Amino acid sequence: MSKTLLIIIAVLAFVAAGVMFYLGNDSGHLSELLDFWFYPLPLGVISLIGAFRKK
């Protein structure tokens, strides 16, 4: 995979986690998101590791 694609995936994963946390705190109807907001974080971390590793 290209470095640019991996960085885009990482940014989207971190943004998704932030949005899930925000919506889980803000809305009573979406409180389930607060339980699972951290699920996208490993994808973001793995993508960043893949993007910046030495070849």
N, C-alpha and C. Protein backbone atom coordinates (compact mmCIF):
# COMPACT_ATOMS: atom_id res chain seq x y z
N MET A 1 0.84 -1.18 0.00
CA MET A 1 0.00 0.00 0.00
C MET A 1 0.88 1.24 0.00
N SER A 2 0.36 2.28 -0.57
CA SER A 2 1.15 3.50 -0.62
C SER A 2 1.09 4.23 0.72
N LYS A 3 2.10 5.03 0.94
CA LYS A 3 2.21 5.78 2.19
C LYS A 3 1.03 6.74 2.35
N THR A 4 0.62 7.38 1.27
CA THR A 4 -0.48 8.34 1.33
C THR A 4 -1.79 7.66 1.73
N LEU A 5 -2.05 6.50 1.17
CA LEU A 5 -3.28 5.77 1.50
C LEU A 5 -3.30 5.35 2.96
N LEU A 6 -2.17 4.90 3.47
CA LEU A 6 -2.11 4.50 4.88
C LEU A 6 -2.31 5.69 5.81
N ILE A 7 -1.79 6.84 5.46
CA ILE A 7 -1.99 8.03 6.28
C ILE A 7 -3.46 8.46 6.25
N ILE A 8 -4.10 8.37 5.10
CA ILE A 8 -5.52 8.71 4.99
C ILE A 8 -6.36 7.76 5.85
N ILE A 9 -6.06 6.47 5.81
CA ILE A 9 -6.78 5.50 6.63
C ILE A 9 -6.59 5.80 8.11
N ALA A 10 -5.37 6.15 8.52
CA ALA A 10 -5.11 6.46 9.92
C ALA A 10 -5.88 7.70 10.36
N VAL A 11 -5.88 8.73 9.54
CA VAL A 11 -6.60 9.96 9.90
C VAL A 11 -8.10 9.68 10.01
N LEU A 12 -8.64 8.91 9.07
CA LEU A 12 -10.07 8.58 9.12
C LEU A 12 -10.41 7.75 10.36
N ALA A 13 -9.53 6.86 10.75
CA ALA A 13 -9.77 6.04 11.94
C ALA A 13 -9.78 6.91 13.20
N PHE A 14 -8.83 7.84 13.30
CA PHE A 14 -8.79 8.71 14.48
C PHE A 14 -9.98 9.67 14.51
N VAL A 15 -10.38 10.18 13.37
CA VAL A 15 -11.55 11.05 13.30
C VAL A 15 -12.81 10.27 13.66
N ALA A 16 -12.92 9.04 13.18
CA ALA A 16 -14.08 8.21 13.50
C ALA A 16 -14.16 7.95 15.00
N ALA A 17 -13.03 7.68 15.63
CA ALA A 17 -13.03 7.45 17.08
C ALA A 17 -13.46 8.72 17.82
N GLY A 18 -12.98 9.86 17.38
CA GLY A 18 -13.37 11.12 18.02
C GLY A 18 -14.84 11.43 17.85
N VAL A 19 -15.37 11.18 16.66
CA VAL A 19 -16.80 11.44 16.42
C VAL A 19 -17.65 10.48 17.24
N MET A 20 -17.24 9.23 17.32
CA MET A 20 -17.99 8.27 18.13
C MET A 20 -17.98 8.67 19.60
N PHE A 21 -16.86 9.14 20.10
CA PHE A 21 -16.78 9.58 21.50
C PHE A 21 -17.66 10.80 21.73
N TYR A 22 -17.60 11.76 20.81
CA TYR A 22 -18.39 12.98 20.95
C TYR A 22 -19.88 12.68 20.91
N LEU A 23 -20.31 11.91 19.92
CA LEU A 23 -21.73 11.60 19.80
C LEU A 23 -22.21 10.73 20.95
N GLY A 24 -21.38 9.86 21.46
CA GLY A 24 -21.75 9.03 22.60
C GLY A 24 -21.96 9.84 23.85
N ASN A 25 -21.16 10.88 24.05
CA ASN A 25 -21.32 11.76 25.21
C ASN A 25 -22.48 12.72 25.04
N ASP A 26 -22.73 13.15 23.82
CA ASP A 26 -23.70 14.22 23.55
C ASP A 26 -25.13 13.72 23.52
N SER A 27 -25.38 12.57 22.94
CA SER A 27 -26.74 12.10 22.70
C SER A 27 -27.05 10.89 23.56
N GLY A 28 -28.20 10.91 24.19
CA GLY A 28 -28.63 9.77 24.98
C GLY A 28 -29.03 8.59 24.12
N HIS A 29 -29.49 8.86 22.91
CA HIS A 29 -29.92 7.80 22.01
C HIS A 29 -28.73 7.07 21.39
N LEU A 30 -27.58 7.70 21.35
CA LEU A 30 -26.38 7.09 20.76
C LEU A 30 -25.33 6.75 21.81
N SER A 31 -25.76 6.49 23.03
CA SER A 31 -24.82 6.24 24.11
C SER A 31 -24.02 4.95 23.90
N GLU A 32 -24.50 4.05 23.03
CA GLU A 32 -23.74 2.83 22.76
C GLU A 32 -22.40 3.13 22.10
N LEU A 33 -22.33 4.24 21.37
CA LEU A 33 -21.06 4.61 20.74
C LEU A 33 -19.97 4.88 21.76
N LEU A 34 -20.38 5.34 22.95
CA LEU A 34 -19.39 5.63 24.00
C LEU A 34 -18.72 4.35 24.48
N ASP A 35 -19.40 3.23 24.37
CA ASP A 35 -18.82 1.95 24.79
C ASP A 35 -17.79 1.43 23.79
N PHE A 36 -17.88 1.85 22.53
CA PHE A 36 -17.05 1.28 21.48
C PHE A 36 -16.22 2.31 20.72
N TRP A 37 -16.01 3.49 21.27
CA TRP A 37 -15.32 4.56 20.55
C TRP A 37 -13.87 4.21 20.25
N PHE A 38 -13.27 3.35 21.03
CA PHE A 38 -11.84 3.04 20.87
C PHE A 38 -11.57 1.94 19.86
N TYR A 39 -12.59 1.34 19.26
CA TYR A 39 -12.38 0.25 18.30
C TYR A 39 -11.59 0.69 17.06
N PRO A 40 -11.78 1.89 16.52
CA PRO A 40 -11.00 2.27 15.33
C PRO A 40 -9.54 2.63 15.64
N LEU A 41 -9.18 2.83 16.90
CA LEU A 41 -7.83 3.26 17.23
C LEU A 41 -6.74 2.28 16.82
N PRO A 42 -6.88 0.96 17.02
CA PRO A 42 -5.82 0.06 16.56
C PRO A 42 -5.59 0.11 15.05
N LEU A 43 -6.66 0.30 14.28
CA LEU A 43 -6.50 0.43 12.83
C LEU A 43 -5.65 1.66 12.50
N GLY A 44 -5.89 2.78 13.20
CA GLY A 44 -5.11 3.98 12.97
C GLY A 44 -3.65 3.81 13.35
N VAL A 45 -3.40 3.15 14.46
CA VAL A 45 -2.03 2.94 14.91
C VAL A 45 -1.28 2.01 13.96
N ILE A 46 -1.93 0.93 13.54
CA ILE A 46 -1.29 0.00 12.61
C ILE A 46 -1.02 0.67 11.27
N SER A 47 -1.95 1.51 10.84
CA SER A 47 -1.73 2.23 9.57
C SER A 47 -0.56 3.20 9.67
N LEU A 48 -0.44 3.88 10.80
CA LEU A 48 0.70 4.80 10.96
C LEU A 48 2.02 4.05 11.02
N ILE A 49 2.01 2.91 11.70
CA ILE A 49 3.24 2.11 11.74
C ILE A 49 3.62 1.65 10.34
N GLY A 50 2.64 1.22 9.56
CA GLY A 50 2.91 0.78 8.21
C GLY A 50 3.38 1.91 7.30
N ALA A 51 2.87 3.12 7.55
CA ALA A 51 3.25 4.25 6.70
C ALA A 51 4.66 4.75 6.98
N PHE A 52 5.10 4.67 8.24
CA PHE A 52 6.39 5.26 8.60
C PHE A 52 7.47 4.25 8.93
N ARG A 53 7.27 2.99 8.58
CA ARG A 53 8.33 2.03 8.85
C ARG A 53 9.44 2.14 7.81
N LYS A 54 10.61 1.72 8.20
CA LYS A 54 11.75 1.72 7.28
C LYS A 54 11.67 0.50 6.38
N LYS A 55 12.01 0.69 5.13
CA LYS A 55 11.97 -0.44 4.20
C LYS A 55 13.33 -1.02 3.96
